[in-house]
Amino acid sequence: MQLLLTSNSRKSEGILSEGTDGFTLLEVMIAVAIFFMATFAILNLVGSSVRAARGLEPFNLDASSVVAELSLTNRLEEGEIPRDIIKHFEELHPGYTCGGSITEVRTNGLFEVELLVGGVTAGKHVVASTSKVLLFRPAGSMRGPGGGLPR
């Protein structure tokens, strides 16, 4: 009778026996797989929601790329923005266009460039931006002092 008590007391003390309950490796792998499938499904849903929200927000496009391209030219002439610069802008930003005018402010080669950029975004928002920039190109002035031609 004493033998029975000893074997029962060992089980209650937490000594492991052959029939101990626990998770098998297969069960753990299945649980981890389900967890990662659920995690990646949630991440995919969040990513598609962010993309959809980004498509609805208006796109603010400014004329800085047109100004940068104009600033690279050595000579400015009064009139409209050159067609090749407009064409290059339209290639960089499909669905948008730009325009404007160049006027000489002073006879020393100071030019005012007035730009208008516009288009329709993917979310069907109409975007228009205007800006004025002063560019100094002493070689661009064809007039001498007093407005006449240089000698």
N, C-alpha and C. Protein backbone atom coordinates (compact mmCIF):
# COMPACT_ATOMS: atom_id res chain seq x y z
N MET A 1 0.82 -1.18 0.00
CA MET A 1 0.00 0.00 0.00
C MET A 1 0.86 1.25 0.00
N GLN A 2 1.95 1.14 0.60
CA GLN A 2 2.85 2.29 0.65
C GLN A 2 3.41 2.60 -0.74
N LEU A 3 3.57 1.64 -1.56
CA LEU A 3 4.06 1.86 -2.91
C LEU A 3 3.10 2.71 -3.73
N LEU A 4 1.84 2.48 -3.58
CA LEU A 4 0.85 3.27 -4.32
C LEU A 4 0.88 4.73 -3.92
N LEU A 5 1.02 4.99 -2.66
CA LEU A 5 1.07 6.38 -2.21
C LEU A 5 2.31 7.10 -2.74
N THR A 6 3.41 6.41 -2.81
CA THR A 6 4.62 7.04 -3.29
C THR A 6 4.50 7.39 -4.77
N SER A 7 3.93 6.51 -5.54
CA SER A 7 3.82 6.81 -6.97
C SER A 7 2.83 7.95 -7.22
N ASN A 8 1.77 8.03 -6.45
CA ASN A 8 0.82 9.14 -6.59
C ASN A 8 1.42 10.45 -6.13
N SER A 9 2.20 10.40 -5.08
CA SER A 9 2.80 11.64 -4.59
C SER A 9 3.84 12.19 -5.57
N ARG A 10 4.50 11.33 -6.28
CA ARG A 10 5.47 11.81 -7.28
C ARG A 10 4.76 12.53 -8.42
N LYS A 11 3.61 12.06 -8.85
CA LYS A 11 2.86 12.73 -9.93
C LYS A 11 2.37 14.09 -9.47
N SER A 12 1.94 14.19 -8.23
CA SER A 12 1.45 15.46 -7.75
C SER A 12 2.57 16.46 -7.51
N GLU A 13 3.79 15.97 -7.33
CA GLU A 13 4.91 16.88 -7.14
C GLU A 13 5.41 17.48 -8.45
N GLY A 14 4.95 17.05 -9.58
CA GLY A 14 5.31 17.62 -10.86
C GLY A 14 6.40 16.87 -11.59
N ILE A 15 6.75 15.67 -11.14
CA ILE A 15 7.75 14.88 -11.83
C ILE A 15 7.09 14.34 -13.09
N LEU A 16 7.75 14.52 -14.25
CA LEU A 16 7.18 14.14 -15.53
C LEU A 16 7.10 12.63 -15.69
N SER A 17 6.05 12.20 -16.29
CA SER A 17 5.92 10.79 -16.61
C SER A 17 5.75 10.65 -18.12
N GLU A 18 5.58 9.47 -18.57
CA GLU A 18 5.51 9.22 -20.01
C GLU A 18 4.26 9.79 -20.66
N GLY A 19 3.17 9.93 -20.00
CA GLY A 19 1.92 10.37 -20.59
C GLY A 19 1.65 11.86 -20.38
N THR A 20 2.67 12.71 -20.32
CA THR A 20 2.49 14.14 -20.07
C THR A 20 1.83 14.81 -21.26
N ASP A 21 0.87 15.70 -21.00
CA ASP A 21 0.18 16.43 -22.07
C ASP A 21 1.04 17.61 -22.53
N GLY A 22 0.98 17.93 -23.84
CA GLY A 22 1.73 19.06 -24.41
C GLY A 22 1.43 19.14 -25.90
N PHE A 23 1.98 20.14 -26.56
CA PHE A 23 1.76 20.33 -27.99
C PHE A 23 2.84 19.60 -28.78
N THR A 24 2.42 18.99 -29.85
CA THR A 24 3.39 18.36 -30.73
C THR A 24 3.96 19.40 -31.67
N LEU A 25 5.02 19.05 -32.33
CA LEU A 25 5.66 19.98 -33.28
C LEU A 25 4.71 20.32 -34.43
N LEU A 26 3.95 19.37 -34.88
CA LEU A 26 2.99 19.59 -35.97
C LEU A 26 1.92 20.59 -35.55
N GLU A 27 1.40 20.49 -34.36
CA GLU A 27 0.38 21.42 -33.87
C GLU A 27 0.94 22.84 -33.77
N VAL A 28 2.16 22.97 -33.29
CA VAL A 28 2.78 24.29 -33.19
C VAL A 28 3.00 24.90 -34.57
N MET A 29 3.45 24.09 -35.53
CA MET A 29 3.67 24.59 -36.89
C MET A 29 2.36 25.04 -37.53
N ILE A 30 1.30 24.32 -37.33
CA ILE A 30 -0.01 24.70 -37.88
C ILE A 30 -0.50 26.00 -37.24
N ALA A 31 -0.33 26.14 -35.93
CA ALA A 31 -0.74 27.37 -35.25
C ALA A 31 0.06 28.58 -35.75
N VAL A 32 1.36 28.41 -35.94
CA VAL A 32 2.21 29.51 -36.44
C VAL A 32 1.81 29.87 -37.87
N ALA A 33 1.52 28.87 -38.70
CA ALA A 33 1.10 29.13 -40.08
C ALA A 33 -0.21 29.92 -40.11
N ILE A 34 -1.17 29.55 -39.29
CA ILE A 34 -2.45 30.28 -39.23
C ILE A 34 -2.22 31.71 -38.75
N PHE A 35 -1.37 31.88 -37.76
CA PHE A 35 -1.07 33.22 -37.26
C PHE A 35 -0.47 34.10 -38.35
N PHE A 36 0.52 33.58 -39.10
CA PHE A 36 1.15 34.40 -40.14
C PHE A 36 0.22 34.66 -41.31
N MET A 37 -0.66 33.71 -41.65
CA MET A 37 -1.63 33.96 -42.72
C MET A 37 -2.57 35.09 -42.32
N ALA A 38 -3.03 35.09 -41.09
CA ALA A 38 -3.91 36.16 -40.62
C ALA A 38 -3.18 37.50 -40.59
N THR A 39 -1.92 37.50 -40.14
CA THR A 39 -1.14 38.74 -40.09
C THR A 39 -0.94 39.31 -41.48
N PHE A 40 -0.54 38.48 -42.45
CA PHE A 40 -0.32 38.99 -43.81
C PHE A 40 -1.62 39.41 -44.48
N ALA A 41 -2.73 38.78 -44.17
CA ALA A 41 -4.02 39.21 -44.71
C ALA A 41 -4.38 40.60 -44.19
N ILE A 42 -4.13 40.84 -42.93
CA ILE A 42 -4.41 42.17 -42.35
C ILE A 42 -3.48 43.22 -42.96
N LEU A 43 -2.19 42.90 -43.12
CA LEU A 43 -1.25 43.85 -43.74
C LEU A 43 -1.65 44.17 -45.18
N ASN A 44 -2.10 43.17 -45.92
CA ASN A 44 -2.55 43.40 -47.30
C ASN A 44 -3.76 44.32 -47.32
N LEU A 45 -4.68 44.14 -46.42
CA LEU A 45 -5.87 44.98 -46.34
C LEU A 45 -5.50 46.42 -45.99
N VAL A 46 -4.60 46.60 -45.05
CA VAL A 46 -4.15 47.95 -44.68
C VAL A 46 -3.44 48.62 -45.85
N GLY A 47 -2.59 47.87 -46.55
CA GLY A 47 -1.87 48.43 -47.69
C GLY A 47 -2.80 48.88 -48.80
N SER A 48 -3.81 48.08 -49.11
CA SER A 48 -4.75 48.47 -50.17
C SER A 48 -5.60 49.66 -49.74
N SER A 49 -5.91 49.76 -48.45
CA SER A 49 -6.67 50.91 -47.96
C SER A 49 -5.85 52.20 -48.05
N VAL A 50 -4.58 52.11 -47.74
CA VAL A 50 -3.70 53.29 -47.84
C VAL A 50 -3.56 53.73 -49.29
N ARG A 51 -3.41 52.78 -50.23
CA ARG A 51 -3.33 53.12 -51.65
C ARG A 51 -4.61 53.80 -52.14
N ALA A 52 -5.76 53.29 -51.70
CA ALA A 52 -7.04 53.88 -52.11
C ALA A 52 -7.19 55.28 -51.54
N ALA A 53 -6.78 55.48 -50.30
CA ALA A 53 -6.87 56.82 -49.69
C ALA A 53 -5.92 57.79 -50.37
N ARG A 54 -4.74 57.31 -50.76
CA ARG A 54 -3.77 58.19 -51.43
C ARG A 54 -4.28 58.60 -52.81
N GLY A 55 -5.05 57.74 -53.47
CA GLY A 55 -5.62 58.08 -54.77
C GLY A 55 -6.71 59.13 -54.67
N LEU A 56 -7.34 59.25 -53.53
CA LEU A 56 -8.41 60.23 -53.36
C LEU A 56 -7.89 61.62 -52.99
N GLU A 57 -6.72 61.69 -52.41
CA GLU A 57 -6.22 62.99 -51.97
C GLU A 57 -5.66 63.76 -53.17
N PRO A 58 -5.89 65.06 -53.21
CA PRO A 58 -5.42 65.85 -54.36
C PRO A 58 -3.89 65.90 -54.40
N PHE A 59 -3.39 65.93 -55.61
CA PHE A 59 -1.95 65.96 -55.86
C PHE A 59 -1.54 67.41 -56.07
N ASN A 60 -0.67 67.91 -55.23
CA ASN A 60 -0.21 69.30 -55.35
C ASN A 60 1.03 69.35 -56.23
N LEU A 61 0.85 69.85 -57.43
CA LEU A 61 1.94 69.95 -58.39
C LEU A 61 2.29 71.41 -58.54
N ASP A 62 3.55 71.73 -58.42
CA ASP A 62 3.96 73.12 -58.60
C ASP A 62 4.84 73.24 -59.84
N ALA A 63 5.22 74.45 -60.12
CA ALA A 63 5.95 74.74 -61.35
C ALA A 63 7.46 74.70 -61.17
N SER A 64 7.94 74.08 -60.12
CA SER A 64 9.37 74.11 -59.84
C SER A 64 10.19 73.41 -60.91
N SER A 65 9.67 72.34 -61.52
CA SER A 65 10.44 71.67 -62.57
C SER A 65 10.55 72.53 -63.82
N VAL A 66 9.52 73.31 -64.13
CA VAL A 66 9.58 74.21 -65.28
C VAL A 66 10.57 75.33 -65.00
N VAL A 67 10.54 75.88 -63.78
CA VAL A 67 11.48 76.94 -63.41
C VAL A 67 12.91 76.42 -63.45
N ALA A 68 13.12 75.19 -62.97
CA ALA A 68 14.46 74.62 -62.99
C ALA A 68 14.97 74.46 -64.42
N GLU A 69 14.11 74.02 -65.31
CA GLU A 69 14.53 73.85 -66.69
C GLU A 69 14.79 75.21 -67.36
N LEU A 70 13.97 76.21 -67.04
CA LEU A 70 14.21 77.55 -67.58
C LEU A 70 15.50 78.16 -67.03
N SER A 71 15.82 77.85 -65.79
CA SER A 71 17.03 78.42 -65.20
C SER A 71 18.29 77.84 -65.83
N LEU A 72 18.18 76.68 -66.45
CA LEU A 72 19.33 76.06 -67.10
C LEU A 72 19.64 76.68 -68.46
N THR A 73 18.69 77.41 -69.02
CA THR A 73 18.93 78.02 -70.33
C THR A 73 19.83 79.25 -70.16
N ASN A 74 20.68 79.49 -71.14
CA ASN A 74 21.59 80.63 -71.08
C ASN A 74 20.92 81.93 -71.50
N ARG A 75 19.86 81.82 -72.25
CA ARG A 75 19.24 83.02 -72.80
C ARG A 75 17.73 82.91 -72.69
N LEU A 76 17.10 83.97 -72.23
CA LEU A 76 15.64 84.03 -72.16
C LEU A 76 15.16 85.06 -73.18
N GLU A 77 14.04 84.77 -73.81
CA GLU A 77 13.44 85.70 -74.76
C GLU A 77 12.03 86.00 -74.31
N GLU A 78 11.59 87.24 -74.52
CA GLU A 78 10.23 87.60 -74.15
C GLU A 78 9.24 86.82 -74.99
N GLY A 79 8.11 86.48 -74.38
CA GLY A 79 7.07 85.74 -75.08
C GLY A 79 6.59 84.59 -74.24
N GLU A 80 6.08 83.56 -74.92
CA GLU A 80 5.55 82.38 -74.23
C GLU A 80 6.68 81.46 -73.80
N ILE A 81 6.35 80.57 -72.87
CA ILE A 81 7.30 79.53 -72.45
C ILE A 81 7.63 78.68 -73.68
N PRO A 82 8.90 78.36 -73.91
CA PRO A 82 9.25 77.55 -75.09
C PRO A 82 8.52 76.21 -75.12
N ARG A 83 8.11 75.82 -76.32
CA ARG A 83 7.30 74.61 -76.51
C ARG A 83 8.05 73.35 -76.07
N ASP A 84 9.36 73.29 -76.27
CA ASP A 84 10.09 72.08 -75.88
C ASP A 84 10.10 71.89 -74.36
N ILE A 85 10.09 72.96 -73.58
CA ILE A 85 10.03 72.86 -72.13
C ILE A 85 8.64 72.38 -71.70
N ILE A 86 7.60 72.88 -72.34
CA ILE A 86 6.23 72.43 -72.04
C ILE A 86 6.08 70.94 -72.38
N LYS A 87 6.61 70.55 -73.52
CA LYS A 87 6.52 69.15 -73.94
C LYS A 87 7.26 68.23 -72.95
N HIS A 88 8.43 68.66 -72.50
CA HIS A 88 9.19 67.86 -71.53
C HIS A 88 8.43 67.74 -70.21
N PHE A 89 7.80 68.83 -69.77
CA PHE A 89 7.00 68.80 -68.54
C PHE A 89 5.83 67.83 -68.68
N GLU A 90 5.16 67.84 -69.82
CA GLU A 90 4.03 66.95 -70.05
C GLU A 90 4.46 65.48 -70.11
N GLU A 91 5.68 65.22 -70.58
CA GLU A 91 6.19 63.85 -70.57
C GLU A 91 6.49 63.37 -69.14
N LEU A 92 7.01 64.27 -68.31
CA LEU A 92 7.32 63.93 -66.93
C LEU A 92 6.07 63.75 -66.09
N HIS A 93 5.04 64.54 -66.36
CA HIS A 93 3.80 64.53 -65.58
C HIS A 93 2.61 64.33 -66.52
N PRO A 94 2.29 63.07 -66.88
CA PRO A 94 1.17 62.82 -67.79
C PRO A 94 -0.15 63.31 -67.19
N GLY A 95 -0.96 63.93 -68.01
CA GLY A 95 -2.24 64.46 -67.55
C GLY A 95 -2.15 65.90 -67.08
N TYR A 96 -0.97 66.47 -67.04
CA TYR A 96 -0.77 67.84 -66.60
C TYR A 96 -0.11 68.64 -67.71
N THR A 97 -0.35 69.94 -67.69
CA THR A 97 0.28 70.81 -68.67
C THR A 97 0.72 72.09 -67.98
N CYS A 98 1.53 72.86 -68.66
CA CYS A 98 1.99 74.13 -68.11
C CYS A 98 2.02 75.17 -69.22
N GLY A 99 2.05 76.39 -68.82
CA GLY A 99 2.12 77.50 -69.75
C GLY A 99 2.56 78.74 -69.01
N GLY A 100 2.69 79.81 -69.73
CA GLY A 100 3.07 81.04 -69.07
C GLY A 100 3.76 81.99 -70.04
N SER A 101 4.27 83.06 -69.48
CA SER A 101 4.91 84.07 -70.31
C SER A 101 6.20 84.55 -69.65
N ILE A 102 7.09 85.04 -70.50
CA ILE A 102 8.36 85.60 -70.05
C ILE A 102 8.38 87.06 -70.48
N THR A 103 8.59 87.96 -69.53
CA THR A 103 8.68 89.38 -69.85
C THR A 103 9.94 89.95 -69.22
N GLU A 104 10.56 90.89 -69.94
CA GLU A 104 11.76 91.53 -69.41
C GLU A 104 11.32 92.69 -68.52
N VAL A 105 11.77 92.67 -67.29
CA VAL A 105 11.37 93.68 -66.32
C VAL A 105 12.25 94.91 -66.46
N ARG A 106 13.54 94.72 -66.55
CA ARG A 106 14.51 95.80 -66.69
C ARG A 106 15.41 95.52 -67.88
N THR A 107 16.05 96.52 -68.37
CA THR A 107 16.91 96.36 -69.54
C THR A 107 18.23 95.70 -69.19
N ASN A 108 18.47 95.43 -67.91
CA ASN A 108 19.74 94.81 -67.52
C ASN A 108 19.69 93.29 -67.56
N GLY A 109 18.63 92.68 -68.04
CA GLY A 109 18.55 91.24 -68.15
C GLY A 109 17.73 90.57 -67.06
N LEU A 110 16.91 91.33 -66.35
CA LEU A 110 16.04 90.76 -65.33
C LEU A 110 14.70 90.41 -65.98
N PHE A 111 14.34 89.13 -65.90
CA PHE A 111 13.12 88.64 -66.53
C PHE A 111 12.16 88.14 -65.47
N GLU A 112 10.86 88.41 -65.72
CA GLU A 112 9.82 87.85 -64.87
C GLU A 112 9.15 86.72 -65.64
N VAL A 113 9.10 85.56 -65.02
CA VAL A 113 8.48 84.39 -65.64
C VAL A 113 7.22 84.09 -64.85
N GLU A 114 6.09 84.15 -65.53
CA GLU A 114 4.80 83.83 -64.92
C GLU A 114 4.38 82.46 -65.43
N LEU A 115 4.14 81.53 -64.50
CA LEU A 115 3.85 80.14 -64.86
C LEU A 115 2.49 79.70 -64.35
N LEU A 116 1.84 78.86 -65.13
CA LEU A 116 0.58 78.24 -64.74
C LEU A 116 0.71 76.75 -65.01
N VAL A 117 0.43 75.95 -63.99
CA VAL A 117 0.48 74.50 -64.10
C VAL A 117 -0.89 73.97 -63.73
N GLY A 118 -1.41 73.02 -64.51
CA GLY A 118 -2.73 72.50 -64.21
C GLY A 118 -2.95 71.12 -64.76
N GLY A 119 -4.02 70.48 -64.28
CA GLY A 119 -4.38 69.15 -64.75
C GLY A 119 -5.46 68.57 -63.87
N VAL A 120 -5.80 67.31 -64.13
CA VAL A 120 -6.80 66.59 -63.35
C VAL A 120 -6.13 65.37 -62.73
N THR A 121 -6.28 65.20 -61.42
CA THR A 121 -5.65 64.08 -60.72
C THR A 121 -6.44 62.80 -60.95
N ALA A 122 -5.90 61.69 -60.45
CA ALA A 122 -6.58 60.39 -60.58
C ALA A 122 -7.89 60.38 -59.82
N GLY A 123 -7.98 61.17 -58.75
CA GLY A 123 -9.22 61.27 -57.99
C GLY A 123 -10.19 62.29 -58.57
N LYS A 124 -9.93 62.75 -59.79
CA LYS A 124 -10.76 63.71 -60.52
C LYS A 124 -10.81 65.09 -59.87
N HIS A 125 -9.71 65.47 -59.20
CA HIS A 125 -9.58 66.81 -58.64
C HIS A 125 -8.85 67.68 -59.65
N VAL A 126 -9.37 68.87 -59.91
CA VAL A 126 -8.70 69.82 -60.80
C VAL A 126 -7.65 70.57 -59.99
N VAL A 127 -6.44 70.55 -60.50
CA VAL A 127 -5.33 71.19 -59.80
C VAL A 127 -4.78 72.30 -60.68
N ALA A 128 -4.62 73.48 -60.11
CA ALA A 128 -4.02 74.60 -60.84
C ALA A 128 -3.09 75.34 -59.89
N SER A 129 -1.94 75.71 -60.39
CA SER A 129 -0.95 76.41 -59.58
C SER A 129 -0.33 77.51 -60.42
N THR A 130 -0.24 78.69 -59.86
CA THR A 130 0.43 79.79 -60.56
C THR A 130 1.59 80.27 -59.71
N SER A 131 2.61 80.75 -60.38
CA SER A 131 3.75 81.30 -59.66
C SER A 131 4.50 82.27 -60.58
N LYS A 132 5.17 83.22 -59.93
CA LYS A 132 6.00 84.19 -60.65
C LYS A 132 7.42 84.07 -60.11
N VAL A 133 8.37 84.10 -61.04
CA VAL A 133 9.77 83.96 -60.68
C VAL A 133 10.56 85.01 -61.44
N LEU A 134 11.57 85.57 -60.78
CA LEU A 134 12.49 86.50 -61.44
C LEU A 134 13.79 85.76 -61.75
N LEU A 135 14.21 85.85 -63.00
CA LEU A 135 15.47 85.24 -63.43
C LEU A 135 16.37 86.32 -64.03
N PHE A 136 17.64 86.25 -63.70
CA PHE A 136 18.59 87.24 -64.22
C PHE A 136 19.45 86.57 -65.27
N ARG A 137 19.37 87.09 -66.49
CA ARG A 137 20.18 86.60 -67.61
C ARG A 137 20.71 87.81 -68.36
N PRO A 138 21.90 88.29 -68.01
CA PRO A 138 22.42 89.47 -68.70
C PRO A 138 22.62 89.24 -70.19
N ALA A 139 22.91 88.02 -70.61
CA ALA A 139 23.08 87.74 -72.03
C ALA A 139 21.74 87.68 -72.75
N GLY A 140 20.64 87.57 -72.00
CA GLY A 140 19.33 87.48 -72.61
C GLY A 140 18.80 88.81 -73.06
N SER A 141 19.36 89.91 -72.57
CA SER A 141 18.87 91.23 -72.94
C SER A 141 19.44 91.64 -74.29
N MET A 142 18.58 91.93 -75.22
CA MET A 142 19.00 92.35 -76.55
C MET A 142 18.96 93.87 -76.70
N ARG A 143 18.48 94.57 -75.69
CA ARG A 143 18.36 96.03 -75.78
C ARG A 143 19.50 96.69 -75.04
N GLY A 144 19.93 97.78 -75.51
CA GLY A 144 20.97 98.56 -74.83
C GLY A 144 20.33 99.56 -73.88
N PRO A 145 21.13 100.48 -73.33
CA PRO A 145 20.58 101.50 -72.45
C PRO A 145 19.59 102.39 -73.21
N GLY A 146 18.49 102.66 -72.56
CA GLY A 146 17.47 103.50 -73.19
C GLY A 146 16.53 102.71 -74.08
N GLY A 147 16.65 101.40 -74.15
CA GLY A 147 15.74 100.57 -74.92
C GLY A 147 16.19 100.33 -76.34
N GLY A 148 17.28 100.93 -76.81
CA GLY A 148 17.74 100.71 -78.17
C GLY A 148 18.59 99.48 -78.29
N LEU A 149 18.96 99.14 -79.49
CA LEU A 149 19.81 97.98 -79.73
C LEU A 149 21.25 98.30 -79.28
N PRO A 150 21.99 97.33 -78.76
CA PRO A 150 23.36 97.58 -78.33
C PRO A 150 24.27 97.84 -79.52
N ARG A 151 25.35 98.57 -79.30
CA ARG A 151 26.28 98.93 -80.39
C ARG A 151 27.40 97.96 -80.50
